[in-house]
């Protein structure tokens, strides 16, 4: 059981690292108008 837990933890860490690296190549969708806030921040 201990080995199983350790193996599960290792696989979880490896999977998490893989997803983090993969996220560098992914653009998230954003619903809504972001430009008004961006423009206000730029002017300010």
ModelCIF file with pLDDT and N, C-alpha, C, O atoms, coordinates in Angstrom:
data_MODEL
#
_entry.id   MODEL 
#
_entity.id                         1 
_entity.type                       polymer 
_entity.pdbx_number_of_molecules   1 
#
_entity_poly.entity_id                      1 
_entity_poly.type                           'polypeptide(L)' 
_entity_poly.nstd_linkage                   no 
_entity_poly.nstd_monomer                   no 
_entity_poly.pdbx_seq_one_letter_code       
;(UNK)(UNK)(UNK)(UNK)(UNK)(UNK)(UNK)(UNK)(UNK)(UNK)(UNK)(UNK)(UNK)(UNK)(UNK)(UNK)
(UNK)(UNK)(UNK)(UNK)(UNK)(UNK)(UNK)(UNK)(UNK)(UNK)(UNK)(UNK)(UNK)(UNK)(UNK)(UNK)
(UNK)(UNK)(UNK)(UNK)(UNK)(UNK)(UNK)(UNK)(UNK)(UNK)(UNK)(UNK)
;
_entity_poly.pdbx_seq_one_letter_code_can   XXXXXXXXXXXXXXXXXXXXXXXXXXXXXXXXXXXXXXXXXXXX 
_entity_poly.pdbx_strand_id                 A 
#
loop_
_entity_poly_seq.entity_id 
_entity_poly_seq.num 
_entity_poly_seq.mon_id 
_entity_poly_seq.hetero 
1 1  UNK n 
1 2  UNK n 
1 3  UNK n 
1 4  UNK n 
1 5  UNK n 
1 6  UNK n 
1 7  UNK n 
1 8  UNK n 
1 9  UNK n 
1 10 UNK n 
1 11 UNK n 
1 12 UNK n 
1 13 UNK n 
1 14 UNK n 
1 15 UNK n 
1 16 UNK n 
1 17 UNK n 
1 18 UNK n 
1 19 UNK n 
1 20 UNK n 
1 21 UNK n 
1 22 UNK n 
1 23 UNK n 
1 24 UNK n 
1 25 UNK n 
1 26 UNK n 
1 27 UNK n 
1 28 UNK n 
1 29 UNK n 
1 30 UNK n 
1 31 UNK n 
1 32 UNK n 
1 33 UNK n 
1 34 UNK n 
1 35 UNK n 
1 36 UNK n 
1 37 UNK n 
1 38 UNK n 
1 39 UNK n 
1 40 UNK n 
1 41 UNK n 
1 42 UNK n 
1 43 UNK n 
1 44 UNK n 
#
_struct_asym.id          A 
_struct_asym.entity_id   1 
#
loop_
_ma_qa_metric.id 
_ma_qa_metric.mode 
_ma_qa_metric.name 
_ma_qa_metric.software_group_id 
_ma_qa_metric.type 
1 global pLDDT . pLDDT 
2 local  pLDDT . pLDDT 
#
_ma_qa_metric_global.metric_id      1 
_ma_qa_metric_global.metric_value   72.25 
_ma_qa_metric_global.model_id       1 
_ma_qa_metric_global.ordinal_id     1 
#
loop_
_ma_qa_metric_local.label_asym_id 
_ma_qa_metric_local.label_comp_id 
_ma_qa_metric_local.label_seq_id 
_ma_qa_metric_local.metric_id 
_ma_qa_metric_local.metric_value 
_ma_qa_metric_local.model_id 
_ma_qa_metric_local.ordinal_id 
A UNK 1  2 53.00 1 1  
A UNK 2  2 47.00 1 2  
A UNK 3  2 54.00 1 3  
A UNK 4  2 52.00 1 4  
A UNK 5  2 49.00 1 5  
A UNK 6  2 46.00 1 6  
A UNK 7  2 51.00 1 7  
A UNK 8  2 47.00 1 8  
A UNK 9  2 45.00 1 9  
A UNK 10 2 50.00 1 10 
A UNK 11 2 51.00 1 11 
A UNK 12 2 48.00 1 12 
A UNK 13 2 47.00 1 13 
A UNK 14 2 52.00 1 14 
A UNK 15 2 55.00 1 15 
A UNK 16 2 58.00 1 16 
A UNK 17 2 65.00 1 17 
A UNK 18 2 75.00 1 18 
A UNK 19 2 77.00 1 19 
A UNK 20 2 75.00 1 20 
A UNK 21 2 81.00 1 21 
A UNK 22 2 80.00 1 22 
A UNK 23 2 77.00 1 23 
A UNK 24 2 77.00 1 24 
A UNK 25 2 76.00 1 25 
A UNK 26 2 79.00 1 26 
A UNK 27 2 81.00 1 27 
A UNK 28 2 82.00 1 28 
A UNK 29 2 83.00 1 29 
A UNK 30 2 81.00 1 30 
A UNK 31 2 80.00 1 31 
A UNK 32 2 79.00 1 32 
A UNK 33 2 85.00 1 33 
A UNK 34 2 90.00 1 34 
A UNK 35 2 91.00 1 35 
A UNK 36 2 92.00 1 36 
A UNK 37 2 94.00 1 37 
A UNK 38 2 95.00 1 38 
A UNK 39 2 96.00 1 39 
A UNK 40 2 96.00 1 40 
A UNK 41 2 96.00 1 41 
A UNK 42 2 97.00 1 42 
A UNK 43 2 97.00 1 43 
A UNK 44 2 97.00 1 44 
#
loop_
_atom_site.group_PDB 
_atom_site.id 
_atom_site.type_symbol 
_atom_site.label_atom_id 
_atom_site.label_alt_id 
_atom_site.label_comp_id 
_atom_site.label_asym_id 
_atom_site.label_entity_id 
_atom_site.label_seq_id 
_atom_site.pdbx_PDB_ins_code 
_atom_site.Cartn_x 
_atom_site.Cartn_y 
_atom_site.Cartn_z 
_atom_site.occupancy 
_atom_site.B_iso_or_equiv 
_atom_site.pdbx_formal_charge 
_atom_site.auth_seq_id 
_atom_site.auth_comp_id 
_atom_site.auth_asym_id 
_atom_site.auth_atom_id 
_atom_site.pdbx_PDB_model_num 
ATOM 1   N N  . UNK A 1 1  ? 0.838   -1.211 0.000   1.00 53.00 ? 1  UNK A N  1 
ATOM 2   C CA . UNK A 1 1  ? 0.000   0.000  0.000   1.00 53.00 ? 1  UNK A CA 1 
ATOM 3   C C  . UNK A 1 1  ? 0.865   1.250  0.000   1.00 53.00 ? 1  UNK A C  1 
ATOM 4   O O  . UNK A 1 1  ? 0.558   2.222  -0.691  1.00 53.00 ? 1  UNK A O  1 
ATOM 5   N N  . UNK A 1 2  ? 1.962   1.226  0.787   1.00 47.00 ? 2  UNK A N  1 
ATOM 6   C CA . UNK A 1 2  ? 2.851   2.384  0.850   1.00 47.00 ? 2  UNK A CA 1 
ATOM 7   C C  . UNK A 1 2  ? 3.480   2.657  -0.518  1.00 47.00 ? 2  UNK A C  1 
ATOM 8   O O  . UNK A 1 2  ? 3.576   3.801  -0.963  1.00 47.00 ? 2  UNK A O  1 
ATOM 9   N N  . UNK A 1 3  ? 3.907   1.568  -1.172  1.00 54.00 ? 3  UNK A N  1 
ATOM 10  C CA . UNK A 1 3  ? 4.488   1.738  -2.500  1.00 54.00 ? 3  UNK A CA 1 
ATOM 11  C C  . UNK A 1 3  ? 3.450   2.265  -3.489  1.00 54.00 ? 3  UNK A C  1 
ATOM 12  O O  . UNK A 1 3  ? 3.753   3.083  -4.357  1.00 54.00 ? 3  UNK A O  1 
ATOM 13  N N  . UNK A 1 4  ? 2.225   1.776  -3.335  1.00 52.00 ? 4  UNK A N  1 
ATOM 14  C CA . UNK A 1 4  ? 1.158   2.250  -4.210  1.00 52.00 ? 4  UNK A CA 1 
ATOM 15  C C  . UNK A 1 4  ? 0.897   3.736  -4.033  1.00 52.00 ? 4  UNK A C  1 
ATOM 16  O O  . UNK A 1 4  ? 0.699   4.474  -4.998  1.00 52.00 ? 4  UNK A O  1 
ATOM 17  N N  . UNK A 1 5  ? 0.901   4.165  -2.742  1.00 49.00 ? 5  UNK A N  1 
ATOM 18  C CA . UNK A 1 5  ? 0.694   5.594  -2.488  1.00 49.00 ? 5  UNK A CA 1 
ATOM 19  C C  . UNK A 1 5  ? 1.833   6.418  -3.047  1.00 49.00 ? 5  UNK A C  1 
ATOM 20  O O  . UNK A 1 5  ? 1.609   7.467  -3.652  1.00 49.00 ? 5  UNK A O  1 
ATOM 21  N N  . UNK A 1 6  ? 3.075   5.942  -2.845  1.00 46.00 ? 6  UNK A N  1 
ATOM 22  C CA . UNK A 1 6  ? 4.236   6.667  -3.359  1.00 46.00 ? 6  UNK A CA 1 
ATOM 23  C C  . UNK A 1 6  ? 4.191   6.751  -4.885  1.00 46.00 ? 6  UNK A C  1 
ATOM 24  O O  . UNK A 1 6  ? 4.473   7.791  -5.481  1.00 46.00 ? 6  UNK A O  1 
ATOM 25  N N  . UNK A 1 7  ? 3.824   5.610  -5.500  1.00 51.00 ? 7  UNK A N  1 
ATOM 26  C CA . UNK A 1 7  ? 3.728   5.615  -6.953  1.00 51.00 ? 7  UNK A CA 1 
ATOM 27  C C  . UNK A 1 7  ? 2.644   6.555  -7.443  1.00 51.00 ? 7  UNK A C  1 
ATOM 28  O O  . UNK A 1 7  ? 2.815   7.250  -8.445  1.00 51.00 ? 7  UNK A O  1 
ATOM 29  N N  . UNK A 1 8  ? 1.509   6.571  -6.718  1.00 47.00 ? 8  UNK A N  1 
ATOM 30  C CA . UNK A 1 8  ? 0.423   7.476  -7.088  1.00 47.00 ? 8  UNK A CA 1 
ATOM 31  C C  . UNK A 1 8  ? 0.825   8.922  -6.957  1.00 47.00 ? 8  UNK A C  1 
ATOM 32  O O  . UNK A 1 8  ? 0.480   9.750  -7.800  1.00 47.00 ? 8  UNK A O  1 
ATOM 33  N N  . UNK A 1 9  ? 1.565   9.237  -5.886  1.00 45.00 ? 9  UNK A N  1 
ATOM 34  C CA . UNK A 1 9  ? 2.037   10.613 -5.691  1.00 45.00 ? 9  UNK A CA 1 
ATOM 35  C C  . UNK A 1 9  ? 2.996   11.014 -6.805  1.00 45.00 ? 9  UNK A C  1 
ATOM 36  O O  . UNK A 1 9  ? 2.913   12.113 -7.354  1.00 45.00 ? 9  UNK A O  1 
ATOM 37  N N  . UNK A 1 10 ? 3.925   10.081 -7.133  1.00 50.00 ? 10 UNK A N  1 
ATOM 38  C CA . UNK A 1 10 ? 4.873   10.381 -8.206  1.00 50.00 ? 10 UNK A CA 1 
ATOM 39  C C  . UNK A 1 10 ? 4.175   10.618 -9.527  1.00 50.00 ? 10 UNK A C  1 
ATOM 40  O O  . UNK A 1 10 ? 4.525   11.542 -10.261 1.00 50.00 ? 10 UNK A O  1 
ATOM 41  N N  . UNK A 1 11 ? 3.170   9.774  -9.842  1.00 51.00 ? 11 UNK A N  1 
ATOM 42  C CA . UNK A 1 11 ? 2.431   9.958  -11.094 1.00 51.00 ? 11 UNK A CA 1 
ATOM 43  C C  . UNK A 1 11 ? 1.658   11.266 -11.083 1.00 51.00 ? 11 UNK A C  1 
ATOM 44  O O  . UNK A 1 11 ? 1.542   11.936 -12.109 1.00 51.00 ? 11 UNK A O  1 
ATOM 45  N N  . UNK A 1 12 ? 1.123   11.631 -9.906  1.00 48.00 ? 12 UNK A N  1 
ATOM 46  C CA . UNK A 1 12 ? 0.384   12.893 -9.798  1.00 48.00 ? 12 UNK A CA 1 
ATOM 47  C C  . UNK A 1 12 ? 1.296   14.092 -10.046 1.00 48.00 ? 12 UNK A C  1 
ATOM 48  O O  . UNK A 1 12 ? 0.930   15.032 -10.751 1.00 48.00 ? 12 UNK A O  1 
ATOM 49  N N  . UNK A 1 13 ? 2.510   14.042 -9.444  1.00 47.00 ? 13 UNK A N  1 
ATOM 50  C CA . UNK A 1 13 ? 3.466   15.130 -9.648  1.00 47.00 ? 13 UNK A CA 1 
ATOM 51  C C  . UNK A 1 13 ? 3.878   15.204 -11.120 1.00 47.00 ? 13 UNK A C  1 
ATOM 52  O O  . UNK A 1 13 ? 3.937   16.289 -11.699 1.00 47.00 ? 13 UNK A O  1 
ATOM 53  N N  . UNK A 1 14 ? 4.162   14.040 -11.723 1.00 52.00 ? 14 UNK A N  1 
ATOM 54  C CA . UNK A 1 14 ? 4.569   14.034 -13.127 1.00 52.00 ? 14 UNK A CA 1 
ATOM 55  C C  . UNK A 1 14 ? 3.452   14.566 -14.014 1.00 52.00 ? 14 UNK A C  1 
ATOM 56  O O  . UNK A 1 14 ? 3.694   15.342 -14.938 1.00 52.00 ? 14 UNK A O  1 
ATOM 57  N N  . UNK A 1 15 ? 2.217   14.136 -13.721 1.00 55.00 ? 15 UNK A N  1 
ATOM 58  C CA . UNK A 1 15 ? 1.090   14.628 -14.493 1.00 55.00 ? 15 UNK A CA 1 
ATOM 59  C C  . UNK A 1 15 ? 0.890   16.118 -14.334 1.00 55.00 ? 15 UNK A C  1 
ATOM 60  O O  . UNK A 1 15 ? 0.608   16.820 -15.306 1.00 55.00 ? 15 UNK A O  1 
ATOM 61  N N  . UNK A 1 16 ? 1.037   16.613 -13.096 1.00 58.00 ? 16 UNK A N  1 
ATOM 62  C CA . UNK A 1 16 ? 0.897   18.041 -12.846 1.00 58.00 ? 16 UNK A CA 1 
ATOM 63  C C  . UNK A 1 16 ? 1.956   18.846 -13.563 1.00 58.00 ? 16 UNK A C  1 
ATOM 64  O O  . UNK A 1 16 ? 1.663   19.894 -14.137 1.00 58.00 ? 16 UNK A O  1 
ATOM 65  N N  . UNK A 1 17 ? 3.203   18.358 -13.536 1.00 65.00 ? 17 UNK A N  1 
ATOM 66  C CA . UNK A 1 17 ? 4.283   19.040 -14.246 1.00 65.00 ? 17 UNK A CA 1 
ATOM 67  C C  . UNK A 1 17 ? 4.029   19.062 -15.744 1.00 65.00 ? 17 UNK A C  1 
ATOM 68  O O  . UNK A 1 17 ? 4.284   20.064 -16.411 1.00 65.00 ? 17 UNK A O  1 
ATOM 69  N N  . UNK A 1 18 ? 3.523   17.945 -16.269 1.00 75.00 ? 18 UNK A N  1 
ATOM 70  C CA . UNK A 1 18 ? 3.226   17.892 -17.695 1.00 75.00 ? 18 UNK A CA 1 
ATOM 71  C C  . UNK A 1 18 ? 2.138   18.870 -18.088 1.00 75.00 ? 18 UNK A C  1 
ATOM 72  O O  . UNK A 1 18 ? 2.231   19.531 -19.123 1.00 75.00 ? 18 UNK A O  1 
ATOM 73  N N  . UNK A 1 19 ? 1.105   18.963 -17.264 1.00 77.00 ? 19 UNK A N  1 
ATOM 74  C CA . UNK A 1 19 ? 0.022   19.909 -17.565 1.00 77.00 ? 19 UNK A CA 1 
ATOM 75  C C  . UNK A 1 19 ? 0.520   21.356 -17.476 1.00 77.00 ? 19 UNK A C  1 
ATOM 76  O O  . UNK A 1 19 ? 0.111   22.204 -18.269 1.00 77.00 ? 19 UNK A O  1 
ATOM 77  N N  . UNK A 1 20 ? 1.404   21.636 -16.507 1.00 75.00 ? 20 UNK A N  1 
ATOM 78  C CA . UNK A 1 20 ? 1.941   22.996 -16.372 1.00 75.00 ? 20 UNK A CA 1 
ATOM 79  C C  . UNK A 1 20 ? 2.743   23.384 -17.608 1.00 75.00 ? 20 UNK A C  1 
ATOM 80  O O  . UNK A 1 20 ? 2.614   24.496 -18.121 1.00 75.00 ? 20 UNK A O  1 
ATOM 81  N N  . UNK A 1 21 ? 3.578   22.451 -18.084 1.00 81.00 ? 21 UNK A N  1 
ATOM 82  C CA . UNK A 1 21 ? 4.367   22.729 -19.282 1.00 81.00 ? 21 UNK A CA 1 
ATOM 83  C C  . UNK A 1 21 ? 3.444   22.894 -20.499 1.00 81.00 ? 21 UNK A C  1 
ATOM 84  O O  . UNK A 1 21 ? 3.643   23.790 -21.319 1.00 81.00 ? 21 UNK A O  1 
ATOM 85  N N  . UNK A 1 22 ? 2.448   22.031 -20.605 1.00 80.00 ? 22 UNK A N  1 
ATOM 86  C CA . UNK A 1 22 ? 1.521   22.120 -21.734 1.00 80.00 ? 22 UNK A CA 1 
ATOM 87  C C  . UNK A 1 22 ? 0.759   23.439 -21.739 1.00 80.00 ? 22 UNK A C  1 
ATOM 88  O O  . UNK A 1 22 ? 0.399   23.943 -22.803 1.00 80.00 ? 22 UNK A O  1 
ATOM 89  N N  . UNK A 1 23 ? 0.511   24.000 -20.562 1.00 77.00 ? 23 UNK A N  1 
ATOM 90  C CA . UNK A 1 23 ? -0.245  25.259 -20.473 1.00 77.00 ? 23 UNK A CA 1 
ATOM 91  C C  . UNK A 1 23 ? 0.507   26.425 -21.106 1.00 77.00 ? 23 UNK A C  1 
ATOM 92  O O  . UNK A 1 23 ? -0.098  27.431 -21.478 1.00 77.00 ? 23 UNK A O  1 
ATOM 93  N N  . UNK A 1 24 ? 1.837   26.290 -21.227 1.00 77.00 ? 24 UNK A N  1 
ATOM 94  C CA . UNK A 1 24 ? 2.616   27.353 -21.873 1.00 77.00 ? 24 UNK A CA 1 
ATOM 95  C C  . UNK A 1 24 ? 2.253   27.496 -23.346 1.00 77.00 ? 24 UNK A C  1 
ATOM 96  O O  . UNK A 1 24 ? 2.452   28.556 -23.938 1.00 77.00 ? 24 UNK A O  1 
ATOM 97  N N  . UNK A 1 25 ? 1.728   26.445 -23.929 1.00 76.00 ? 25 UNK A N  1 
ATOM 98  C CA . UNK A 1 25 ? 1.340   26.489 -25.333 1.00 76.00 ? 25 UNK A CA 1 
ATOM 99  C C  . UNK A 1 25 ? -0.147  26.654 -25.556 1.00 76.00 ? 25 UNK A C  1 
ATOM 100 O O  . UNK A 1 25 ? -0.647  26.423 -26.657 1.00 76.00 ? 25 UNK A O  1 
ATOM 101 N N  . UNK A 1 26 ? -0.862  27.058 -24.505 1.00 79.00 ? 26 UNK A N  1 
ATOM 102 C CA . UNK A 1 26 ? -2.319  27.162 -24.591 1.00 79.00 ? 26 UNK A CA 1 
ATOM 103 C C  . UNK A 1 26 ? -2.782  28.581 -24.290 1.00 79.00 ? 26 UNK A C  1 
ATOM 104 O O  . UNK A 1 26 ? -2.396  29.164 -23.277 1.00 79.00 ? 26 UNK A O  1 
ATOM 105 N N  . UNK A 1 27 ? -3.602  29.129 -25.163 1.00 81.00 ? 27 UNK A N  1 
ATOM 106 C CA . UNK A 1 27 ? -4.249  30.421 -24.921 1.00 81.00 ? 27 UNK A CA 1 
ATOM 107 C C  . UNK A 1 27 ? -5.634  30.160 -24.333 1.00 81.00 ? 27 UNK A C  1 
ATOM 108 O O  . UNK A 1 27 ? -6.437  29.428 -24.912 1.00 81.00 ? 27 UNK A O  1 
ATOM 109 N N  . UNK A 1 28 ? -5.903  30.762 -23.185 1.00 82.00 ? 28 UNK A N  1 
ATOM 110 C CA . UNK A 1 28 ? -7.196  30.577 -22.541 1.00 82.00 ? 28 UNK A CA 1 
ATOM 111 C C  . UNK A 1 28 ? -8.263  31.443 -23.215 1.00 82.00 ? 28 UNK A C  1 
ATOM 112 O O  . UNK A 1 28 ? -7.981  32.549 -23.676 1.00 82.00 ? 28 UNK A O  1 
ATOM 113 N N  . UNK A 1 29 ? -9.461  30.935 -23.263 1.00 83.00 ? 29 UNK A N  1 
ATOM 114 C CA . UNK A 1 29 ? -10.570 31.729 -23.776 1.00 83.00 ? 29 UNK A CA 1 
ATOM 115 C C  . UNK A 1 29 ? -11.025 32.727 -22.723 1.00 83.00 ? 29 UNK A C  1 
ATOM 116 O O  . UNK A 1 29 ? -11.021 32.432 -21.528 1.00 83.00 ? 29 UNK A O  1 
ATOM 117 N N  . UNK A 1 30 ? -11.410 33.892 -23.171 1.00 81.00 ? 30 UNK A N  1 
ATOM 118 C CA . UNK A 1 30 ? -11.919 34.910 -22.241 1.00 81.00 ? 30 UNK A CA 1 
ATOM 119 C C  . UNK A 1 30 ? -13.207 35.478 -22.800 1.00 81.00 ? 30 UNK A C  1 
ATOM 120 O O  . UNK A 1 30 ? -13.231 36.036 -23.896 1.00 81.00 ? 30 UNK A O  1 
ATOM 121 N N  . UNK A 1 31 ? -14.259 35.333 -22.048 1.00 80.00 ? 31 UNK A N  1 
ATOM 122 C CA . UNK A 1 31 ? -15.560 35.848 -22.465 1.00 80.00 ? 31 UNK A CA 1 
ATOM 123 C C  . UNK A 1 31 ? -15.756 37.242 -21.868 1.00 80.00 ? 31 UNK A C  1 
ATOM 124 O O  . UNK A 1 31 ? -15.702 37.424 -20.652 1.00 80.00 ? 31 UNK A O  1 
ATOM 125 N N  . UNK A 1 32 ? -15.976 38.184 -22.715 1.00 79.00 ? 32 UNK A N  1 
ATOM 126 C CA . UNK A 1 32 ? -16.199 39.532 -22.213 1.00 79.00 ? 32 UNK A CA 1 
ATOM 127 C C  . UNK A 1 32 ? -15.293 40.545 -22.898 1.00 79.00 ? 32 UNK A C  1 
ATOM 128 O O  . UNK A 1 32 ? -14.471 40.197 -23.745 1.00 79.00 ? 32 UNK A O  1 
ATOM 129 N N  . UNK A 1 33 ? -15.462 41.804 -22.513 1.00 85.00 ? 33 UNK A N  1 
ATOM 130 C CA . UNK A 1 33 ? -14.694 42.907 -23.091 1.00 85.00 ? 33 UNK A CA 1 
ATOM 131 C C  . UNK A 1 33 ? -13.586 43.288 -22.112 1.00 85.00 ? 33 UNK A C  1 
ATOM 132 O O  . UNK A 1 33 ? -13.845 43.905 -21.078 1.00 85.00 ? 33 UNK A O  1 
ATOM 133 N N  . UNK A 1 34 ? -12.365 42.919 -22.442 1.00 90.00 ? 34 UNK A N  1 
ATOM 134 C CA . UNK A 1 34 ? -11.236 43.235 -21.571 1.00 90.00 ? 34 UNK A CA 1 
ATOM 135 C C  . UNK A 1 34 ? -10.631 44.598 -21.891 1.00 90.00 ? 34 UNK A C  1 
ATOM 136 O O  . UNK A 1 34 ? -10.028 45.226 -21.021 1.00 90.00 ? 34 UNK A O  1 
ATOM 137 N N  . UNK A 1 35 ? -10.783 45.057 -23.123 1.00 91.00 ? 35 UNK A N  1 
ATOM 138 C CA . UNK A 1 35 ? -10.068 46.262 -23.527 1.00 91.00 ? 35 UNK A CA 1 
ATOM 139 C C  . UNK A 1 35 ? -10.415 47.513 -22.735 1.00 91.00 ? 35 UNK A C  1 
ATOM 140 O O  . UNK A 1 35 ? -9.529  48.350 -22.559 1.00 91.00 ? 35 UNK A O  1 
ATOM 141 N N  . UNK A 1 36 ? -11.668 47.711 -22.229 1.00 92.00 ? 36 UNK A N  1 
ATOM 142 C CA . UNK A 1 36 ? -11.895 48.936 -21.455 1.00 92.00 ? 36 UNK A CA 1 
ATOM 143 C C  . UNK A 1 36 ? -11.009 49.031 -20.203 1.00 92.00 ? 36 UNK A C  1 
ATOM 144 O O  . UNK A 1 36 ? -10.452 50.091 -19.918 1.00 92.00 ? 36 UNK A O  1 
ATOM 145 N N  . UNK A 1 37 ? -10.879 47.929 -19.459 1.00 94.00 ? 37 UNK A N  1 
ATOM 146 C CA . UNK A 1 37 ? -10.023 47.932 -18.271 1.00 94.00 ? 37 UNK A CA 1 
ATOM 147 C C  . UNK A 1 37 ? -8.564  48.107 -18.682 1.00 94.00 ? 37 UNK A C  1 
ATOM 148 O O  . UNK A 1 37 ? -7.822  48.847 -18.035 1.00 94.00 ? 37 UNK A O  1 
ATOM 149 N N  . UNK A 1 38 ? -8.146  47.428 -19.760 1.00 95.00 ? 38 UNK A N  1 
ATOM 150 C CA . UNK A 1 38 ? -6.766  47.553 -20.227 1.00 95.00 ? 38 UNK A CA 1 
ATOM 151 C C  . UNK A 1 38 ? -6.452  48.987 -20.641 1.00 95.00 ? 38 UNK A C  1 
ATOM 152 O O  . UNK A 1 38 ? -5.370  49.497 -20.351 1.00 95.00 ? 38 UNK A O  1 
ATOM 153 N N  . UNK A 1 39 ? -7.397  49.636 -21.319 1.00 96.00 ? 39 UNK A N  1 
ATOM 154 C CA . UNK A 1 39 ? -7.185  51.019 -21.747 1.00 96.00 ? 39 UNK A CA 1 
ATOM 155 C C  . UNK A 1 39 ? -7.121  51.963 -20.549 1.00 96.00 ? 39 UNK A C  1 
ATOM 156 O O  . UNK A 1 39 ? -6.282  52.864 -20.505 1.00 96.00 ? 39 UNK A O  1 
ATOM 157 N N  . UNK A 1 40 ? -8.004  51.755 -19.583 1.00 96.00 ? 40 UNK A N  1 
ATOM 158 C CA . UNK A 1 40 ? -7.956  52.583 -18.373 1.00 96.00 ? 40 UNK A CA 1 
ATOM 159 C C  . UNK A 1 40 ? -6.619  52.432 -17.658 1.00 96.00 ? 40 UNK A C  1 
ATOM 160 O O  . UNK A 1 40 ? -6.033  53.420 -17.214 1.00 96.00 ? 40 UNK A O  1 
ATOM 161 N N  . UNK A 1 41 ? -6.137  51.197 -17.545 1.00 96.00 ? 41 UNK A N  1 
ATOM 162 C CA . UNK A 1 41 ? -4.851  50.955 -16.884 1.00 96.00 ? 41 UNK A CA 1 
ATOM 163 C C  . UNK A 1 41 ? -3.713  51.626 -17.639 1.00 96.00 ? 41 UNK A C  1 
ATOM 164 O O  . UNK A 1 41 ? -2.788  52.157 -17.025 1.00 96.00 ? 41 UNK A O  1 
ATOM 165 N N  . UNK A 1 42 ? -3.776  51.605 -18.978 1.00 97.00 ? 42 UNK A N  1 
ATOM 166 C CA . UNK A 1 42 ? -2.731  52.217 -19.787 1.00 97.00 ? 42 UNK A CA 1 
ATOM 167 C C  . UNK A 1 42 ? -2.709  53.730 -19.611 1.00 97.00 ? 42 UNK A C  1 
ATOM 168 O O  . UNK A 1 42 ? -1.643  54.325 -19.454 1.00 97.00 ? 42 UNK A O  1 
ATOM 169 N N  . UNK A 1 43 ? -3.883  54.351 -19.636 1.00 97.00 ? 43 UNK A N  1 
ATOM 170 C CA . UNK A 1 43 ? -3.963  55.805 -19.450 1.00 97.00 ? 43 UNK A CA 1 
ATOM 171 C C  . UNK A 1 43 ? -3.481  56.194 -18.053 1.00 97.00 ? 43 UNK A C  1 
ATOM 172 O O  . UNK A 1 43 ? -2.734  57.159 -17.892 1.00 97.00 ? 43 UNK A O  1 
ATOM 173 N N  . UNK A 1 44 ? -3.913  55.438 -17.051 1.00 97.00 ? 44 UNK A N  1 
ATOM 174 C CA . UNK A 1 44 ? -3.520  55.732 -15.674 1.00 97.00 ? 44 UNK A CA 1 
ATOM 175 C C  . UNK A 1 44 ? -2.024  55.549 -15.461 1.00 97.00 ? 44 UNK A C  1 
ATOM 176 O O  . UNK A 1 44 ? -1.529  55.757 -14.353 1.00 97.00 ? 44 UNK A O  1 
#
